[in-house]
PDB file of N, CA and C in Angstrom:
ATOM      1  N   MET A   1     -11.319  -7.916  -5.153  1.00  0.00           N
ATOM      2  CA  MET A   1     -10.662  -6.721  -5.135  1.00  0.00           C
ATOM      3  C   MET A   1     -10.197  -6.148  -6.375  1.00  0.00           C
ATOM      4  N   SER A   2     -10.635  -5.512  -6.985  1.00  0.00           N
ATOM      5  CA  SER A   2     -10.108  -5.046  -8.163  1.00  0.00           C
ATOM      6  C   SER A   2      -8.534  -4.682  -8.285  1.00  0.00           C
ATOM      7  N   LYS A   3      -8.162  -5.238  -9.726  1.00  0.00           N
ATOM      8  CA  LYS A   3      -6.562  -4.966  -9.827  1.00  0.00           C
ATOM      9  C   LYS A   3      -6.211  -3.284  -9.898  1.00  0.00           C
ATOM     10  N   LEU A   4      -7.141  -2.682 -10.189  1.00  0.00           N
ATOM     11  CA  LEU A   4      -7.059  -1.208 -10.114  1.00  0.00           C
ATOM     12  C   LEU A   4      -6.533  -0.570  -8.692  1.00  0.00           C
ATOM     13  N   GLN A   5      -7.478  -1.029  -7.761  1.00  0.00           N
ATOM     14  CA  GLN A   5      -7.242  -0.630  -6.310  1.00  0.00           C
ATOM     15  C   GLN A   5      -5.964  -1.126  -6.017  1.00  0.00           C
ATOM     16  N   ASN A   6      -5.461  -2.438  -5.970  1.00  0.00           N
ATOM     17  CA  ASN A   6      -4.375  -3.083  -5.473  1.00  0.00           C
ATOM     18  C   ASN A   6      -3.256  -2.250  -6.490  1.00  0.00           C
ATOM     19  N   GLU A   7      -3.285  -1.705  -7.489  1.00  0.00           N
ATOM     20  CA  GLU A   7      -2.172  -1.001  -8.022  1.00  0.00           C
ATOM     21  C   GLU A   7      -2.197   0.411  -7.439  1.00  0.00           C
ATOM     22  N   ARG A   8      -3.369   0.980  -7.145  1.00  0.00           N
ATOM     23  CA  ARG A   8      -3.324   2.452  -6.311  1.00  0.00           C
ATOM     24  C   ARG A   8      -2.848   2.216  -4.763  1.00  0.00           C
ATOM     25  N   LEU A   9      -3.308   1.164  -4.304  1.00  0.00           N
ATOM     26  CA  LEU A   9      -2.565   0.859  -3.095  1.00  0.00           C
ATOM     27  C   LEU A   9      -0.965   0.865  -3.100  1.00  0.00           C
ATOM     28  N   ALA A  10      -0.428   0.098  -4.019  1.00  0.00           N
ATOM     29  CA  ALA A  10       1.102  -0.046  -4.226  1.00  0.00           C
ATOM     30  C   ALA A  10       1.504   1.586  -4.546  1.00  0.00           C
ATOM     31  N   ARG A  11       1.117   2.183  -5.212  1.00  0.00           N
ATOM     32  CA  ARG A  11       1.348   3.501  -5.479  1.00  0.00           C
ATOM     33  C   ARG A  11       1.178   4.781  -4.045  1.00  0.00           C
ATOM     34  N   TYR A  12       0.269   4.270  -3.533  1.00  0.00           N
ATOM     35  CA  TYR A  12       0.212   4.961  -2.365  1.00  0.00           C
ATOM     36  C   TYR A  12       1.327   4.778  -1.336  1.00  0.00           C
ATOM     37  N   VAL A  13       1.781   3.276  -1.232  1.00  0.00           N
ATOM     38  CA  VAL A  13       2.819   2.861  -0.331  1.00  0.00           C
ATOM     39  C   VAL A  13       4.114   3.432  -0.781  1.00  0.00           C
ATOM     40  N   GLU A  14       4.194   3.312  -2.122  1.00  0.00           N
ATOM     41  CA  GLU A  14       5.747   4.163  -2.633  1.00  0.00           C
ATOM     42  C   GLU A  14       5.708   5.471  -2.334  1.00  0.00           C
ATOM     43  N   ALA A  15       4.524   6.338  -2.518  1.00  0.00           N
ATOM     44  CA  ALA A  15       4.471   7.605  -1.915  1.00  0.00           C
ATOM     45  C   ALA A  15       4.714   7.827  -0.606  1.00  0.00           C
ATOM     46  N   GLU A  16       4.233   6.929   0.249  1.00  0.00           N
ATOM     47  CA  GLU A  16       4.420   7.029   1.348  1.00  0.00           C
ATOM     48  C   GLU A  16       6.045   6.943   2.011  1.00  0.00           C
ATOM     49  N   LYS A  17       6.505   5.927   1.306  1.00  0.00           N
ATOM     50  CA  LYS A  17       8.097   5.771   1.561  1.00  0.00           C
ATOM     51  C   LYS A  17       8.880   6.932   1.079  1.00  0.00           C
ATOM     52  N   ALA A  18       8.478   7.548  -0.022  1.00  0.00           N
ATOM     53  CA  ALA A  18       9.191   8.654  -0.578  1.00  0.00           C
ATOM     54  C   ALA A  18       9.147   9.733   0.588  1.00  0.00           C
ATOM     55  N   VAL A  19       7.862  10.042   0.979  1.00  0.00           N
ATOM     56  CA  VAL A  19       7.735  11.094   1.948  1.00  0.00           C
ATOM     57  C   VAL A  19       8.397  10.897   3.254  1.00  0.00           C
ATOM     58  N   LEU A  20       8.171   9.743   3.703  1.00  0.00           N
ATOM     59  CA  LEU A  20       9.273   9.358   4.950  1.00  0.00           C
ATOM     60  C   LEU A  20      10.763   9.571   4.904  1.00  0.00           C
ATOM     61  N   MET A  21      11.146   9.327   3.444  1.00  0.00           N
ATOM     62  CA  MET A  21      12.512   9.360   3.198  1.00  0.00           C
ATOM     63  C   MET A  21      12.996  10.985   3.235  1.00  0.00           C
ATOM     64  N   GLY A  22      12.128  11.952   3.238  1.00  0.00           N
ATOM     65  CA  GLY A  22      12.502  13.184   3.211  1.00  0.00           C
ATOM     66  C   GLY A  22      11.080  13.984   2.809  1.00  0.00           C
ATOM     67  N   GLN A  23      10.379  14.831   3.794  1.00  0.00           N
ATOM     68  CA  GLN A  23       9.293  15.567   3.422  1.00  0.00           C
ATOM     69  C   GLN A  23       9.513  16.526   2.663  1.00  0.00           C
ATOM     70  N   SER A  24      10.776  17.400   2.753  1.00  0.00           N
ATOM     71  CA  SER A  24      11.246  18.279   1.522  1.00  0.00           C
ATOM     72  C   SER A  24      12.624  18.215   1.273  1.00  0.00           C
ATOM     73  N   TYR A  25      12.967  18.914   0.096  1.00  0.00           N
ATOM     74  CA  TYR A  25      14.043  18.777  -0.306  1.00  0.00           C
ATOM     75  C   TYR A  25      14.269  20.055  -0.977  1.00  0.00           C
ATOM     76  N   THR A  26      15.568  20.605  -1.209  1.00  0.00           N
ATOM     77  CA  THR A  26      16.034  21.731  -1.928  1.00  0.00           C
ATOM     78  C   THR A  26      16.561  21.545  -3.036  1.00  0.00           C
ATOM     79  N   ILE A  27      16.709  22.288  -4.335  1.00  0.00           N
ATOM     80  CA  ILE A  27      17.212  22.269  -5.471  1.00  0.00           C
ATOM     81  C   ILE A  27      17.611  23.443  -5.773  1.00  0.00           C
ATOM     82  N   GLY A  28      18.788  23.793  -5.545  1.00  0.00           N
ATOM     83  CA  GLY A  28      19.298  25.419  -5.875  1.00  0.00           C
ATOM     84  C   GLY A  28      18.499  26.289  -5.004  1.00  0.00           C
ATOM     85  N   ASN A  29      18.062  27.505  -4.918  1.00  0.00           N
ATOM     86  CA  ASN A  29      17.350  28.308  -4.104  1.00  0.00           C
ATOM     87  C   ASN A  29      15.937  27.994  -3.945  1.00  0.00           C
ATOM     88  N   ARG A  30      15.676  26.655  -4.347  1.00  0.00           N
ATOM     89  CA  ARG A  30      13.902  26.438  -4.547  1.00  0.00           C
ATOM     90  C   ARG A  30      13.932  25.154  -3.213  1.00  0.00           C
ATOM     91  N   THR A  31      12.847  25.287  -2.682  1.00  0.00           N
ATOM     92  CA  THR A  31      12.491  24.407  -1.470  1.00  0.00           C
ATOM     93  C   THR A  31      11.057  23.677  -1.995  1.00  0.00           C
ATOM     94  N   LEU A  32      11.294  22.220  -2.150  1.00  0.00           N
ATOM     95  CA  LEU A  32       9.959  21.466  -2.723  1.00  0.00           C
ATOM     96  C   LEU A  32       9.364  20.664  -1.512  1.00  0.00           C
ATOM     97  N   THR A  33       8.077  20.564  -1.491  1.00  0.00           N
ATOM     98  CA  THR A  33       7.828  19.747  -0.222  1.00  0.00           C
ATOM     99  C   THR A  33       6.948  18.508  -0.929  1.00  0.00           C
ATOM    100  N   ARG A  34       6.734  17.467  -0.300  1.00  0.00           N
ATOM    101  CA  ARG A  34       6.252  16.416  -1.297  1.00  0.00           C
ATOM    102  C   ARG A  34       4.873  16.207  -0.833  1.00  0.00           C
ATOM    103  N   ALA A  35       3.979  15.423  -0.964  1.00  0.00           N
ATOM    104  CA  ALA A  35       2.366  15.403  -0.645  1.00  0.00           C
ATOM    105  C   ALA A  35       2.391  15.224   0.832  1.00  0.00           C
ATOM    106  N   ASP A  36       1.310  15.380   1.321  1.00  0.00           N
ATOM    107  CA  ASP A  36       0.997  15.383   2.799  1.00  0.00           C
ATOM    108  C   ASP A  36       1.023  13.837   3.284  1.00  0.00           C
ATOM    109  N   LEU A  37       1.644  13.569   4.194  1.00  0.00           N
ATOM    110  CA  LEU A  37       1.901  12.107   4.887  1.00  0.00           C
ATOM    111  C   LEU A  37       0.545  11.663   5.384  1.00  0.00           C
ATOM    112  N   SER A  38      -0.382  12.830   6.123  1.00  0.00           N
ATOM    113  CA  SER A  38      -1.719  12.316   6.645  1.00  0.00           C
ATOM    114  C   SER A  38      -2.678  11.835   5.619  1.00  0.00           C
ATOM    115  N   SER A  39      -2.689  12.590   4.291  1.00  0.00           N
ATOM    116  CA  SER A  39      -3.658  12.375   3.286  1.00  0.00           C
ATOM    117  C   SER A  39      -3.184  11.163   2.591  1.00  0.00           C
ATOM    118  N   ILE A  40      -1.971  10.766   2.660  1.00  0.00           N
ATOM    119  CA  ILE A  40      -1.474   9.520   2.089  1.00  0.00           C
ATOM    120  C   ILE A  40      -2.204   8.330   2.996  1.00  0.00           C
ATOM    121  N   ARG A  41      -1.857   8.640   4.020  1.00  0.00           N
ATOM    122  CA  ARG A  41      -2.177   7.487   5.367  1.00  0.00           C
ATOM    123  C   ARG A  41      -3.671   7.271   5.183  1.00  0.00           C
ATOM    124  N   VAL A  42      -4.398   8.445   5.150  1.00  0.00           N
ATOM    125  CA  VAL A  42      -5.846   8.089   4.994  1.00  0.00           C
ATOM    126  C   VAL A  42      -6.273   7.334   3.534  1.00  0.00           C
ATOM    127  N   ALA A  43      -5.667   7.719   2.545  1.00  0.00           N
ATOM    128  CA  ALA A  43      -5.955   6.780   1.412  1.00  0.00           C
ATOM    129  C   ALA A  43      -5.409   5.552   1.477  1.00  0.00           C
ATOM    130  N   ILE A  44      -4.542   5.221   2.143  1.00  0.00           N
ATOM    131  CA  ILE A  44      -3.876   3.714   2.206  1.00  0.00           C
ATOM    132  C   ILE A  44      -4.958   2.997   3.117  1.00  0.00           C
ATOM    133  N   ASP A  45      -5.279   3.863   4.213  1.00  0.00           N
ATOM    134  CA  ASP A  45      -6.041   3.107   5.286  1.00  0.00           C
ATOM    135  C   ASP A  45      -7.666   2.667   4.587  1.00  0.00           C
ATOM    136  N   ASN A  46      -8.067   3.708   3.709  1.00  0.00           N
ATOM    137  CA  ASN A  46      -9.301   3.389   2.983  1.00  0.00           C
ATOM    138  C   ASN A  46      -9.340   2.397   1.862  1.00  0.00           C
ATOM    139  N   LEU A  47      -8.077   2.356   1.229  1.00  0.00           N
ATOM    140  CA  LEU A  47      -8.049   1.248   0.259  1.00  0.00           C
ATOM    141  C   LEU A  47      -7.832  -0.276   0.786  1.00  0.00           C
ATOM    142  N   ILE A  48      -7.327  -0.254   1.888  1.00  0.00           N
ATOM    143  CA  ILE A  48      -7.153  -1.519   2.740  1.00  0.00           C
ATOM    144  C   ILE A  48      -8.381  -1.657   3.221  1.00  0.00           C
ATOM    145  N   ALA A  49      -9.216  -1.026   3.852  1.00  0.00           N
ATOM    146  CA  ALA A  49     -10.481  -1.062   4.349  1.00  0.00           C
ATOM    147  C   ALA A  49     -11.507  -1.554   3.476  1.00  0.00           C
ATOM    148  N   SER A  50     -11.152  -1.268   1.947  1.00  0.00           N
ATOM    149  CA  SER A  50     -12.343  -1.669   0.967  1.00  0.00           C
ATOM    150  C   SER A  50     -11.810  -3.119   0.618  1.00  0.00           C
ATOM    151  N   GLY A  51     -10.592  -3.645   0.863  1.00  0.00           N
ATOM    152  CA  GLY A  51     -10.077  -4.971   0.530  1.00  0.00           C
ATOM    153  C   GLY A  51      -8.902  -4.736  -0.646  1.00  0.00           C
ATOM    154  N   ALA A  52      -8.251  -3.756  -0.672  1.00  0.00           N
ATOM    155  CA  ALA A  52      -7.097  -3.783  -1.779  1.00  0.00           C
ATOM    156  C   ALA A  52      -6.229  -4.448  -0.650  1.00  0.00           C
ATOM    157  N   THR A  53      -5.007  -5.475  -1.670  1.00  0.00           N
ATOM    158  CA  THR A  53      -4.083  -5.844  -1.056  1.00  0.00           C
ATOM    159  C   THR A  53      -2.811  -5.677  -1.799  1.00  0.00           C
ATOM    160  N   LEU A  54      -1.536  -5.953  -1.264  1.00  0.00           N
ATOM    161  CA  LEU A  54      -0.463  -5.763  -2.098  1.00  0.00           C
ATOM    162  C   LEU A  54       0.129  -6.803  -2.666  1.00  0.00           C
ATOM    163  N   ASP A  55      -0.721  -7.851  -2.366  1.00  0.00           N
ATOM    164  CA  ASP A  55      -0.112  -9.328  -2.919  1.00  0.00           C
ATOM    165  C   ASP A  55      -0.918  -9.760  -4.270  1.00  0.00           C
ATOM    166  N   ASP A  56      -1.760  -8.842  -4.850  1.00  0.00           N
ATOM    167  CA  ASP A  56      -2.420  -9.387  -5.940  1.00  0.00           C
ATOM    168  C   ASP A  56      -3.293 -10.639  -5.715  1.00  0.00           C
ATOM    169  N   SER A  57      -3.574 -10.966  -4.650  1.00  0.00           N
ATOM    170  CA  SER A  57      -4.488 -12.250  -4.486  1.00  0.00           C
ATOM    171  C   SER A  57      -6.039 -11.392  -4.862  1.00  0.00           C
ATOM    172  N   GLU A  58      -6.767 -12.102  -5.675  1.00  0.00           N
ATOM    173  CA  GLU A  58      -8.061 -11.737  -5.967  1.00  0.00           C
ATOM    174  C   GLU A  58      -9.054 -12.630  -5.217  1.00  0.00           C
ATOM    175  N   THR A  59      -8.908 -13.698  -4.818  1.00  0.00           N
ATOM    176  CA  THR A  59      -9.765 -14.319  -3.845  1.00  0.00           C
ATOM    177  C   THR A  59      -9.241 -14.369  -2.367  1.00  0.00           C
ATOM    178  N   PRO A  60     -10.248 -14.535  -1.677  1.00  0.00           N
ATOM    179  CA  PRO A  60      -9.551 -14.596  -0.183  1.00  0.00           C
ATOM    180  C   PRO A  60      -9.368 -15.995   0.275  1.00  0.00           C
ATOM    181  N   GLY A  61      -8.079 -16.089   0.718  1.00  0.00           N
ATOM    182  CA  GLY A  61      -7.539 -17.605   1.003  1.00  0.00           C
ATOM    183  C   GLY A  61      -6.605 -17.884   0.136  1.00  0.00           C
ATOM    184  N   LYS A  62      -6.455 -17.360  -1.248  1.00  0.00           N
ATOM    185  CA  LYS A  62      -5.572 -17.741  -2.151  1.00  0.00           C
ATOM    186  C   LYS A  62      -4.214 -17.729  -1.552  1.00  0.00           C
ATOM    187  N   GLY A  63      -3.390 -18.784  -1.708  1.00  0.00           N
ATOM    188  CA  GLY A  63      -1.986 -18.807  -1.465  1.00  0.00           C
ATOM    189  C   GLY A  63      -1.915 -19.358   0.029  1.00  0.00           C
ATOM    190  N   ARG A  64      -2.724 -19.645   0.761  1.00  0.00           N
ATOM    191  CA  ARG A  64      -2.713 -20.092   2.184  1.00  0.00           C
ATOM    192  C   ARG A  64      -2.339 -21.527   2.221  1.00  0.00           C
ATOM    193  N   GLY A  65      -1.672 -21.990   3.087  1.00  0.00           N
ATOM    194  CA  GLY A  65      -1.635 -23.328   3.602  1.00  0.00           C
ATOM    195  C   GLY A  65      -2.741 -24.208   3.943  1.00  0.00           C
ATOM    196  N   LYS A  66      -2.866 -25.326   3.684  1.00  0.00           N
ATOM    197  CA  LYS A  66      -3.669 -26.411   4.306  1.00  0.00           C
ATOM    198  C   LYS A  66      -3.282 -26.999   5.360  1.00  0.00           C
ATOM    199  N   ARG A  67      -4.002 -27.490   6.355  1.00  0.00           N
ATOM    200  CA  ARG A  67      -3.348 -28.261   7.341  1.00  0.00           C
ATOM    201  C   ARG A  67      -4.210 -29.769   7.133  1.00  0.00           C
ATOM    202  N   ILE A  68      -3.379 -30.819   6.914  1.00  0.00           N
ATOM    203  CA  ILE A  68      -3.776 -32.190   6.891  1.00  0.00           C
ATOM    204  C   ILE A  68      -3.649 -32.917   8.038  1.00  0.00           C
ATOM    205  N   VAL A  69      -4.741 -33.681   8.534  1.00  0.00           N
ATOM    206  CA  VAL A  69      -4.600 -34.460   9.686  1.00  0.00           C
ATOM    207  C   VAL A  69      -4.861 -35.911   9.376  1.00  0.00           C
ATOM    208  N   PHE A  70      -3.960 -36.470   9.673  1.00  0.00           N
ATOM    209  CA  PHE A  70      -4.079 -38.028   9.677  1.00  0.00           C
ATOM    210  C   PHE A  70      -4.714 -38.886  10.824  1.00  0.00           C
ATOM    211  N   PHE A  71      -5.469 -39.685  10.469  1.00  0.00           N
ATOM    212  CA  PHE A  71      -6.596 -40.445  11.478  1.00  0.00           C
ATOM    213  C   PHE A  71      -5.968 -41.778  11.382  1.00  0.00           C
ATOM    214  N   ASP A  72      -6.075 -42.501  12.345  1.00  0.00           N
ATOM    215  CA  ASP A  72      -5.825 -44.291  12.328  1.00  0.00           C
ATOM    216  C   ASP A  72      -6.917 -44.705  12.147  1.00  0.00           C
TER     217      ASP A  72
END
């Protein structure tokens, strides 16, 4: 998966966290609303379905442990 898609996924996850912490907020007499949570979730799901990851692994199986079996 491309590094660009992994970066996009990380940004969407950060945006989701921000929205979850408060959908709207007020500054003075103005009320501001963050991005729509459902559209953020759709983008995250699409990126994950296309293979994007948050751990920057480029190859499947990278970083996984191996099992060693000893025989007599």
